[in-house]
Amino acid sequence: MALSHVVVRREGPVAYVALDRPEVHNAFNSALIGELHHVFDELAADDAARVVVLSGNGKSFCGGADVHWMRGSLDLGHDENVNDARRMSRMFRAIDRLPKPVIGRVHGAALGGGSGLAAVCDVVIAEERAMFGFTEVKLGIIPAVISPFVIAKIGLGHARALALTGERFGARRALAIGLVHEVLAENELDGAVARAVSELLSAGPSAIAAAKRLLAAVAETPYDDTLDLTARAIAAQRTSAEGQEGLRAFLDKRKAGWMHG
């Protein structure tokens, strides 16, 4: 697929994915949704990619839905709106379940679906002036597609307060509710992203993938059912080639093999 609204840059095992519609604050339309889904599907199958950094070009991370795209939805019937929403949901799911860690580098506006993007990133580093909000109700609609990911990230209590009011909130509140993990001045963002990338590259890639799968499964499963699930998961990782190498490297006081790449 030729990309018009997403820029992908590779530096070794790190993929830098940037939304590239700066003239509209990287707002979503059908083309951007399709391109993002395609890029993350490709990264899921790329064994050489170990960390993904998601950002937005221009003044904002992602300003939500494009006004022209929303205007077009007024002419769509119920079934067409359902199909549009399903495509967007699958895009968020592709990012959320990527078997590699995703770092969100957030600046400027991260509204509506932009806050949804923050919710599906594993680590979110935000500029101190970034602005968030589940603002859909202000337009007479609802944050339906992003709701499973938002609730999983910040909990039902915060989701209810913010989705019902539609209020905008700053990076410090986003940090307090768990949508964001670190808040910094703009000139410190890239350094913080680089440190997070370094930490993630020091971990076993299959261990990270297994941990993401396990955390998602445990979050959706009652405790009694997780007993066997978690036991089997750790046993499988301990007996894997990577698990054996990691434990032996620790005991031998040397770097594990994946840290030399």
C-alpha atoms as a PDB file:
ATOM      1  CA  MET A   1       0.000   0.000   0.000  1.00  0.00           C
ATOM      2  CA  ALA A   2       1.278   3.457  -0.937  1.00  0.00           C
ATOM      3  CA  LEU A   3       1.195   5.702   2.136  1.00  0.00           C
ATOM      4  CA  SER A   4      -0.070   9.278   1.863  1.00  0.00           C
ATOM      5  CA  HIS A   5      -1.023  10.070   5.468  1.00  0.00           C
ATOM      6  CA  VAL A   6       1.483   8.019   7.503  1.00  0.00           C
ATOM      7  CA  VAL A   7       5.280   8.228   7.470  1.00  0.00           C
ATOM      8  CA  VAL A   8       7.328   5.233   8.575  1.00  0.00           C
ATOM      9  CA  ARG A   9      11.029   5.526   9.362  1.00  0.00           C
ATOM     10  CA  ARG A  10      13.274   2.703  10.526  1.00  0.00           C
ATOM     11  CA  GLU A  11      16.360   2.923  12.716  1.00  0.00           C
ATOM     12  CA  GLY A  12      17.489  -0.664  13.150  1.00  0.00           C
ATOM     13  CA  PRO A  13      14.946  -2.485  15.303  1.00  0.00           C
ATOM     14  CA  VAL A  14      12.937   0.692  16.006  1.00  0.00           C
ATOM     15  CA  ALA A  15      10.048   1.749  13.743  1.00  0.00           C
ATOM     16  CA  TYR A  16       8.993   5.400  13.940  1.00  0.00           C
ATOM     17  CA  VAL A  17       5.398   5.796  12.741  1.00  0.00           C
ATOM     18  CA  ALA A  18       4.088   9.350  12.338  1.00  0.00           C
ATOM     19  CA  LEU A  19       0.601  10.509  11.420  1.00  0.00           C
ATOM     20  CA  ASP A  20       1.158  12.942   8.572  1.00  0.00           C
ATOM     21  CA  ARG A  21      -1.853  15.190   8.041  1.00  0.00           C
ATOM     22  CA  PRO A  22      -0.417  18.247   9.832  1.00  0.00           C
ATOM     23  CA  GLU A  23      -2.707  20.691   8.038  1.00  0.00           C
ATOM     24  CA  VAL A  24      -5.692  19.178   9.921  1.00  0.00           C
ATOM     25  CA  HIS A  25      -3.871  18.274  13.155  1.00  0.00           C
ATOM     26  CA  ASN A  26      -3.566  14.650  11.962  1.00  0.00           C
ATOM     27  CA  ALA A  27      -7.316  14.166  12.161  1.00  0.00           C
ATOM     28  CA  PHE A  28      -8.718  10.776  11.207  1.00  0.00           C
ATOM     29  CA  ASN A  29     -10.344  10.058   7.899  1.00  0.00           C
ATOM     30  CA  SER A  30     -10.926   6.723   6.185  1.00  0.00           C
ATOM     31  CA  ALA A  31      -7.583   6.853   4.374  1.00  0.00           C
ATOM     32  CA  LEU A  32      -5.563   7.509   7.535  1.00  0.00           C
ATOM     33  CA  ILE A  33      -7.401   4.733   9.372  1.00  0.00           C
ATOM     34  CA  GLY A  34      -6.682   2.284   6.561  1.00  0.00           C
ATOM     35  CA  GLU A  35      -3.011   3.246   6.341  1.00  0.00           C
ATOM     36  CA  LEU A  36      -2.442   2.984  10.095  1.00  0.00           C
ATOM     37  CA  HIS A  37      -4.076  -0.447  10.167  1.00  0.00           C
ATOM     38  CA  HIS A  38      -1.923  -1.597   7.240  1.00  0.00           C
ATOM     39  CA  VAL A  39       1.300  -0.299   8.816  1.00  0.00           C
ATOM     40  CA  PHE A  40       0.642  -2.010  12.147  1.00  0.00           C
ATOM     41  CA  ASP A  41      -0.313  -5.273  10.445  1.00  0.00           C
ATOM     42  CA  GLU A  42       3.018  -5.171   8.608  1.00  0.00           C
ATOM     43  CA  LEU A  43       4.930  -4.399  11.813  1.00  0.00           C
ATOM     44  CA  ALA A  44       3.231  -7.318  13.569  1.00  0.00           C
ATOM     45  CA  ALA A  45       4.703  -9.664  10.947  1.00  0.00           C
ATOM     46  CA  ASP A  46       8.147  -8.006  10.893  1.00  0.00           C
ATOM     47  CA  ASP A  47      10.478  -9.915  13.216  1.00  0.00           C
ATOM     48  CA  ALA A  48      13.186  -7.263  12.820  1.00  0.00           C
ATOM     49  CA  ALA A  49      10.955  -4.556  14.327  1.00  0.00           C
ATOM     50  CA  ARG A  50      11.156  -4.670  18.116  1.00  0.00           C
ATOM     51  CA  VAL A  51       9.840  -1.268  19.257  1.00  0.00           C
ATOM     52  CA  VAL A  52       7.389   1.170  17.656  1.00  0.00           C
ATOM     53  CA  VAL A  53       7.244   4.914  18.372  1.00  0.00           C
ATOM     54  CA  LEU A  54       3.921   6.501  17.384  1.00  0.00           C
ATOM     55  CA  SER A  55       3.769  10.281  16.950  1.00  0.00           C
ATOM     56  CA  GLY A  56       2.143  13.044  14.915  1.00  0.00           C
ATOM     57  CA  ASN A  57       3.791  15.492  12.523  1.00  0.00           C
ATOM     58  CA  GLY A  58       3.079  19.190  12.871  1.00  0.00           C
ATOM     59  CA  LYS A  59       1.430  20.924  15.822  1.00  0.00           C
ATOM     60  CA  SER A  60      -0.601  17.985  17.181  1.00  0.00           C
ATOM     61  CA  PHE A  61      -0.522  14.277  17.907  1.00  0.00           C
ATOM     62  CA  CYS A  62      -4.064  13.688  16.635  1.00  0.00           C
ATOM     63  CA  GLY A  63      -6.984  16.100  16.776  1.00  0.00           C
ATOM     64  CA  GLY A  64      -9.698  13.450  16.488  1.00  0.00           C
ATOM     65  CA  ALA A  65     -11.994  13.026  13.483  1.00  0.00           C
ATOM     66  CA  ASP A  66     -11.624  15.095  10.334  1.00  0.00           C
ATOM     67  CA  VAL A  67     -14.503  17.576   9.944  1.00  0.00           C
ATOM     68  CA  HIS A  68     -14.955  16.729   6.247  1.00  0.00           C
ATOM     69  CA  TRP A  69     -15.051  13.009   7.060  1.00  0.00           C
ATOM     70  CA  MET A  70     -17.653  13.664   9.748  1.00  0.00           C
ATOM     71  CA  ARG A  71     -19.699  15.760   7.322  1.00  0.00           C
ATOM     72  CA  GLY A  72     -19.665  12.865   4.888  1.00  0.00           C
ATOM     73  CA  SER A  73     -21.030  10.545   7.574  1.00  0.00           C
ATOM     74  CA  LEU A  74     -24.221  12.608   7.632  1.00  0.00           C
ATOM     75  CA  ASP A  75     -25.065  11.165   4.221  1.00  0.00           C
ATOM     76  CA  LEU A  76     -24.335   7.562   5.191  1.00  0.00           C
ATOM     77  CA  GLY A  77     -27.017   5.135   6.257  1.00  0.00           C
ATOM     78  CA  HIS A  78     -26.957   3.091   9.463  1.00  0.00           C
ATOM     79  CA  ASP A  79     -25.194   0.076   7.926  1.00  0.00           C
ATOM     80  CA  GLU A  80     -22.527   2.217   6.273  1.00  0.00           C
ATOM     81  CA  ASN A  81     -21.856   3.972   9.592  1.00  0.00           C
ATOM     82  CA  VAL A  82     -21.561   0.561  11.275  1.00  0.00           C
ATOM     83  CA  ASN A  83     -18.975  -0.549   8.705  1.00  0.00           C
ATOM     84  CA  ASP A  84     -17.017   2.715   9.105  1.00  0.00           C
ATOM     85  CA  ALA A  85     -16.940   2.245  12.881  1.00  0.00           C
ATOM     86  CA  ARG A  86     -15.851  -1.377  12.561  1.00  0.00           C
ATOM     87  CA  ARG A  87     -12.910  -0.396  10.349  1.00  0.00           C
ATOM     88  CA  MET A  88     -11.794   2.167  12.914  1.00  0.00           C
ATOM     89  CA  SER A  89     -12.193  -0.282  15.796  1.00  0.00           C
ATOM     90  CA  ARG A  90     -10.071  -2.883  14.006  1.00  0.00           C
ATOM     91  CA  MET A  91      -7.350  -0.274  13.479  1.00  0.00           C
ATOM     92  CA  PHE A  92      -7.238   0.488  17.215  1.00  0.00           C
ATOM     93  CA  ARG A  93      -7.224  -3.248  17.945  1.00  0.00           C
ATOM     94  CA  ALA A  94      -4.249  -3.777  15.605  1.00  0.00           C
ATOM     95  CA  ILE A  95      -2.239  -1.197  17.567  1.00  0.00           C
ATOM     96  CA  ASP A  96      -3.455  -2.432  20.954  1.00  0.00           C
ATOM     97  CA  ARG A  97      -2.535  -6.069  20.248  1.00  0.00           C
ATOM     98  CA  LEU A  98       0.716  -5.458  18.363  1.00  0.00           C
ATOM     99  CA  PRO A  99       3.156  -8.071  19.720  1.00  0.00           C
ATOM    100  CA  LYS A 100       5.788  -5.358  20.187  1.00  0.00           C
ATOM    101  CA  PRO A 101       5.782  -2.394  22.580  1.00  0.00           C
ATOM    102  CA  VAL A 102       4.320   0.873  21.299  1.00  0.00           C
ATOM    103  CA  ILE A 103       5.536   4.196  22.700  1.00  0.00           C
ATOM    104  CA  GLY A 104       3.192   7.147  22.202  1.00  0.00           C
ATOM    105  CA  ARG A 105       4.960  10.499  21.782  1.00  0.00           C
ATOM    106  CA  VAL A 106       2.150  12.986  22.415  1.00  0.00           C
ATOM    107  CA  HIS A 107       2.204  16.738  21.879  1.00  0.00           C
ATOM    108  CA  GLY A 108      -0.413  19.353  21.090  1.00  0.00           C
ATOM    109  CA  ALA A 109      -3.949  18.048  20.721  1.00  0.00           C
ATOM    110  CA  ALA A 110      -4.886  14.433  21.443  1.00  0.00           C
ATOM    111  CA  LEU A 111      -8.653  14.694  21.306  1.00  0.00           C
ATOM    112  CA  GLY A 112     -11.371  12.090  20.708  1.00  0.00           C
ATOM    113  CA  GLY A 113      -9.715   9.356  18.701  1.00  0.00           C
ATOM    114  CA  GLY A 114      -6.368  10.985  19.509  1.00  0.00           C
ATOM    115  CA  SER A 115      -6.922  10.172  23.183  1.00  0.00           C
ATOM    116  CA  GLY A 116      -7.987   6.730  21.978  1.00  0.00           C
ATOM    117  CA  LEU A 117      -4.587   6.341  20.318  1.00  0.00           C
ATOM    118  CA  ALA A 118      -2.911   7.215  23.612  1.00  0.00           C
ATOM    119  CA  ALA A 119      -5.019   4.518  25.278  1.00  0.00           C
ATOM    120  CA  VAL A 120      -3.701   1.771  22.974  1.00  0.00           C
ATOM    121  CA  CYS A 121      -0.034   2.699  23.426  1.00  0.00           C
ATOM    122  CA  ASP A 122       1.942   0.721  26.006  1.00  0.00           C
ATOM    123  CA  VAL A 123       4.040   3.677  27.150  1.00  0.00           C
ATOM    124  CA  VAL A 124       2.857   7.269  26.691  1.00  0.00           C
ATOM    125  CA  ILE A 125       5.218  10.210  27.015  1.00  0.00           C
ATOM    126  CA  ALA A 126       3.466  13.568  26.744  1.00  0.00           C
ATOM    127  CA  GLU A 127       4.534  17.161  26.377  1.00  0.00           C
ATOM    128  CA  GLU A 128       3.392  19.214  29.362  1.00  0.00           C
ATOM    129  CA  ARG A 129       1.108  21.413  27.237  1.00  0.00           C
ATOM    130  CA  ALA A 130      -0.621  18.491  25.488  1.00  0.00           C
ATOM    131  CA  MET A 131      -4.404  18.551  25.650  1.00  0.00           C
ATOM    132  CA  PHE A 132      -6.618  15.463  25.910  1.00  0.00           C
ATOM    133  CA  GLY A 133     -10.343  14.870  25.874  1.00  0.00           C
ATOM    134  CA  PHE A 134     -13.071  12.380  25.020  1.00  0.00           C
ATOM    135  CA  THR A 135     -14.978  15.222  23.437  1.00  0.00           C
ATOM    136  CA  GLU A 136     -17.499  13.350  21.295  1.00  0.00           C
ATOM    137  CA  VAL A 137     -20.567  14.255  23.382  1.00  0.00           C
ATOM    138  CA  LYS A 138     -19.929  17.924  22.613  1.00  0.00           C
ATOM    139  CA  LEU A 139     -20.838  17.014  19.021  1.00  0.00           C
ATOM    140  CA  GLY A 140     -23.861  14.969  20.004  1.00  0.00           C
ATOM    141  CA  ILE A 141     -22.099  11.646  19.420  1.00  0.00           C
ATOM    142  CA  ILE A 142     -20.309   9.203  21.738  1.00  0.00           C
ATOM    143  CA  PRO A 143     -16.776   7.754  22.167  1.00  0.00           C
ATOM    144  CA  ALA A 144     -18.052   4.297  21.275  1.00  0.00           C
ATOM    145  CA  VAL A 145     -15.220   2.759  19.219  1.00  0.00           C
ATOM    146  CA  ILE A 146     -12.467   3.804  21.622  1.00  0.00           C
ATOM    147  CA  SER A 147     -14.393   2.928  24.797  1.00  0.00           C
ATOM    148  CA  PRO A 148     -13.057  -0.635  25.318  1.00  0.00           C
ATOM    149  CA  PHE A 149      -9.481   0.611  25.095  1.00  0.00           C
ATOM    150  CA  VAL A 150     -10.092   3.710  27.222  1.00  0.00           C
ATOM    151  CA  ILE A 151     -11.836   1.770  30.006  1.00  0.00           C
ATOM    152  CA  ALA A 152      -9.022  -0.797  30.006  1.00  0.00           C
ATOM    153  CA  LYS A 153      -6.489   2.028  30.344  1.00  0.00           C
ATOM    154  CA  ILE A 154      -8.024   4.445  32.849  1.00  0.00           C
ATOM    155  CA  GLY A 155     -10.867   2.470  34.449  1.00  0.00           C
ATOM    156  CA  LEU A 156     -14.624   2.931  34.336  1.00  0.00           C
ATOM    157  CA  GLY A 157     -14.744   5.707  36.961  1.00  0.00           C
ATOM    158  CA  HIS A 158     -12.480   8.127  35.083  1.00  0.00           C
ATOM    159  CA  ALA A 159     -14.001   7.105  31.745  1.00  0.00           C
ATOM    160  CA  ARG A 160     -17.499   7.937  32.949  1.00  0.00           C
ATOM    161  CA  ALA A 161     -16.516  11.358  34.279  1.00  0.00           C
ATOM    162  CA  LEU A 162     -14.588  12.352  31.167  1.00  0.00           C
ATOM    163  CA  ALA A 163     -16.757  10.788  28.457  1.00  0.00           C
ATOM    164  CA  LEU A 164     -19.981  12.235  29.866  1.00  0.00           C
ATOM    165  CA  THR A 165     -18.697  15.777  30.287  1.00  0.00           C
ATOM    166  CA  GLY A 166     -16.574  15.745  27.147  1.00  0.00           C
ATOM    167  CA  GLU A 167     -14.241  18.148  28.922  1.00  0.00           C
ATOM    168  CA  ARG A 168     -10.698  18.764  27.777  1.00  0.00           C
ATOM    169  CA  PHE A 169      -7.936  18.066  30.272  1.00  0.00           C
ATOM    170  CA  GLY A 170      -4.220  18.611  30.458  1.00  0.00           C
ATOM    171  CA  ALA A 171      -1.259  16.279  30.544  1.00  0.00           C
ATOM    172  CA  ARG A 172      -0.985  16.357  34.354  1.00  0.00           C
ATOM    173  CA  ARG A 173      -4.515  15.033  34.756  1.00  0.00           C
ATOM    174  CA  ALA A 174      -3.845  12.477  32.027  1.00  0.00           C
ATOM    175  CA  LEU A 175      -0.837  11.366  34.079  1.00  0.00           C
ATOM    176  CA  ALA A 176      -2.888  11.143  37.271  1.00  0.00           C
ATOM    177  CA  ILE A 177      -5.513   8.864  35.681  1.00  0.00           C
ATOM    178  CA  GLY A 178      -3.008   6.596  33.926  1.00  0.00           C
ATOM    179  CA  LEU A 179      -3.612   7.650  30.324  1.00  0.00           C
ATOM    180  CA  VAL A 180      -0.067   9.046  30.254  1.00  0.00           C
ATOM    181  CA  HIS A 181       3.025   7.705  32.011  1.00  0.00           C
ATOM    182  CA  GLU A 182       5.436  10.645  31.843  1.00  0.00           C
ATOM    183  CA  VAL A 183       5.001  14.394  31.332  1.00  0.00           C
ATOM    184  CA  LEU A 184       7.883  16.578  30.219  1.00  0.00           C
ATOM    185  CA  ALA A 185       8.779  19.874  28.592  1.00  0.00           C
ATOM    186  CA  GLU A 186       8.748  19.780  24.785  1.00  0.00           C
ATOM    187  CA  ASN A 187      12.540  19.854  24.512  1.00  0.00           C
ATOM    188  CA  GLU A 188      12.764  16.777  26.762  1.00  0.00           C
ATOM    189  CA  LEU A 189      10.363  14.549  24.814  1.00  0.00           C
ATOM    190  CA  ASP A 190      12.823  12.968  22.414  1.00  0.00           C
ATOM    191  CA  GLY A 191      15.302  12.173  25.175  1.00  0.00           C
ATOM    192  CA  ALA A 192      12.569  10.469  27.196  1.00  0.00           C
ATOM    193  CA  VAL A 193      11.446   8.478  24.150  1.00  0.00           C
ATOM    194  CA  ALA A 194      15.034   7.397  23.520  1.00  0.00           C
ATOM    195  CA  ARG A 195      15.372   6.213  27.129  1.00  0.00           C
ATOM    196  CA  ALA A 196      12.139   4.226  26.866  1.00  0.00           C
ATOM    197  CA  VAL A 197      13.324   2.669  23.594  1.00  0.00           C
ATOM    198  CA  SER A 198      16.595   1.668  25.256  1.00  0.00           C
ATOM    199  CA  GLU A 199      14.787   0.050  28.190  1.00  0.00           C
ATOM    200  CA  LEU A 200      12.526  -1.918  25.864  1.00  0.00           C
ATOM    201  CA  LEU A 201      15.408  -3.094  23.680  1.00  0.00           C
ATOM    202  CA  SER A 202      17.126  -4.457  26.789  1.00  0.00           C
ATOM    203  CA  ALA A 203      14.212  -6.871  27.314  1.00  0.00           C
ATOM    204  CA  GLY A 204      13.670 -10.148  25.496  1.00  0.00           C
ATOM    205  CA  PRO A 205      11.479  -9.569  22.419  1.00  0.00           C
ATOM    206  CA  SER A 206       9.502 -12.798  22.770  1.00  0.00           C
ATOM    207  CA  ALA A 207       9.100 -12.113  26.501  1.00  0.00           C
ATOM    208  CA  ILE A 208       7.571  -8.720  25.705  1.00  0.00           C
ATOM    209  CA  ALA A 209       5.190 -10.279  23.175  1.00  0.00           C
ATOM    210  CA  ALA A 210       4.220 -12.999  25.655  1.00  0.00           C
ATOM    211  CA  ALA A 211       3.730 -10.448  28.438  1.00  0.00           C
ATOM    212  CA  LYS A 212       1.427  -8.311  26.264  1.00  0.00           C
ATOM    213  CA  ARG A 213      -0.669 -11.352  25.339  1.00  0.00           C
ATOM    214  CA  LEU A 214      -0.828 -12.538  28.936  1.00  0.00           C
ATOM    215  CA  LEU A 215      -1.772  -9.157  30.412  1.00  0.00           C
ATOM    216  CA  ALA A 216      -4.587  -8.772  27.889  1.00  0.00           C
ATOM    217  CA  ALA A 217      -5.871 -12.275  28.609  1.00  0.00           C
ATOM    218  CA  VAL A 218      -5.645 -11.919  32.401  1.00  0.00           C
ATOM    219  CA  ALA A 219      -7.492  -8.584  32.311  1.00  0.00           C
ATOM    220  CA  GLU A 220     -10.445 -10.340  30.670  1.00  0.00           C
ATOM    221  CA  THR A 221     -10.411 -13.529  32.777  1.00  0.00           C
ATOM    222  CA  PRO A 222     -11.670 -14.380  36.305  1.00  0.00           C
ATOM    223  CA  TYR A 223      -8.926 -15.418  38.759  1.00  0.00           C
ATOM    224  CA  ASP A 224      -9.803 -19.111  38.924  1.00  0.00           C
ATOM    225  CA  ASP A 225      -9.388 -19.325  35.160  1.00  0.00           C
ATOM    226  CA  THR A 226      -6.080 -17.440  35.235  1.00  0.00           C
ATOM    227  CA  LEU A 227      -4.420 -19.970  37.562  1.00  0.00           C
ATOM    228  CA  ASP A 228      -3.622 -22.433  34.790  1.00  0.00           C
ATOM    229  CA  LEU A 229      -3.240 -19.701  32.171  1.00  0.00           C
ATOM    230  CA  THR A 230      -0.467 -17.892  34.057  1.00  0.00           C
ATOM    231  CA  ALA A 231       1.286 -21.087  35.147  1.00  0.00           C
ATOM    232  CA  ARG A 232       1.452 -22.354  31.584  1.00  0.00           C
ATOM    233  CA  ALA A 233       2.595 -18.959  30.305  1.00  0.00           C
ATOM    234  CA  ILE A 234       5.587 -18.698  32.638  1.00  0.00           C
ATOM    235  CA  ALA A 235       6.505 -22.359  32.099  1.00  0.00           C
ATOM    236  CA  ALA A 236       6.483 -21.850  28.338  1.00  0.00           C
ATOM    237  CA  GLN A 237       8.697 -18.771  28.575  1.00  0.00           C
ATOM    238  CA  ARG A 238      11.132 -20.319  31.062  1.00  0.00           C
ATOM    239  CA  THR A 239      11.689 -23.317  28.797  1.00  0.00           C
ATOM    240  CA  SER A 240      11.927 -21.254  25.572  1.00  0.00           C
ATOM    241  CA  ALA A 241      15.293 -20.498  23.964  1.00  0.00           C
ATOM    242  CA  GLU A 242      14.981 -16.850  24.952  1.00  0.00           C
ATOM    243  CA  GLY A 243      14.019 -17.627  28.526  1.00  0.00           C
ATOM    244  CA  GLN A 244      16.927 -20.033  28.879  1.00  0.00           C
ATOM    245  CA  GLU A 245      19.348 -17.498  27.402  1.00  0.00           C
ATOM    246  CA  GLY A 246      18.082 -14.670  29.619  1.00  0.00           C
ATOM    247  CA  LEU A 247      18.335 -16.650  32.843  1.00  0.00           C
ATOM    248  CA  ARG A 248      21.759 -18.059  31.959  1.00  0.00           C
ATOM    249  CA  ALA A 249      23.042 -14.588  31.021  1.00  0.00           C
ATOM    250  CA  PHE A 250      21.844 -13.230  34.370  1.00  0.00           C
ATOM    251  CA  LEU A 251      23.504 -16.060  36.298  1.00  0.00           C
ATOM    252  CA  ASP A 252      26.699 -15.748  34.239  1.00  0.00           C
ATOM    253  CA  LYS A 253      26.718 -11.956  34.729  1.00  0.00           C
ATOM    254  CA  ARG A 254      26.814 -11.205  30.997  1.00  0.00           C
ATOM    255  CA  LYS A 255      24.524  -9.511  28.501  1.00  0.00           C
ATOM    256  CA  ALA A 256      21.827 -11.611  26.910  1.00  0.00           C
ATOM    257  CA  GLY A 257      22.123 -12.355  23.227  1.00  0.00           C
ATOM    258  CA  TRP A 258      19.317 -10.032  22.129  1.00  0.00           C
ATOM    259  CA  MET A 259      21.176  -7.035  23.604  1.00  0.00           C
ATOM    260  CA  HIS A 260      24.002  -7.338  21.084  1.00  0.00           C
ATOM    261  CA  GLY A 261      21.834  -6.662  18.047  1.00  0.00           C
END
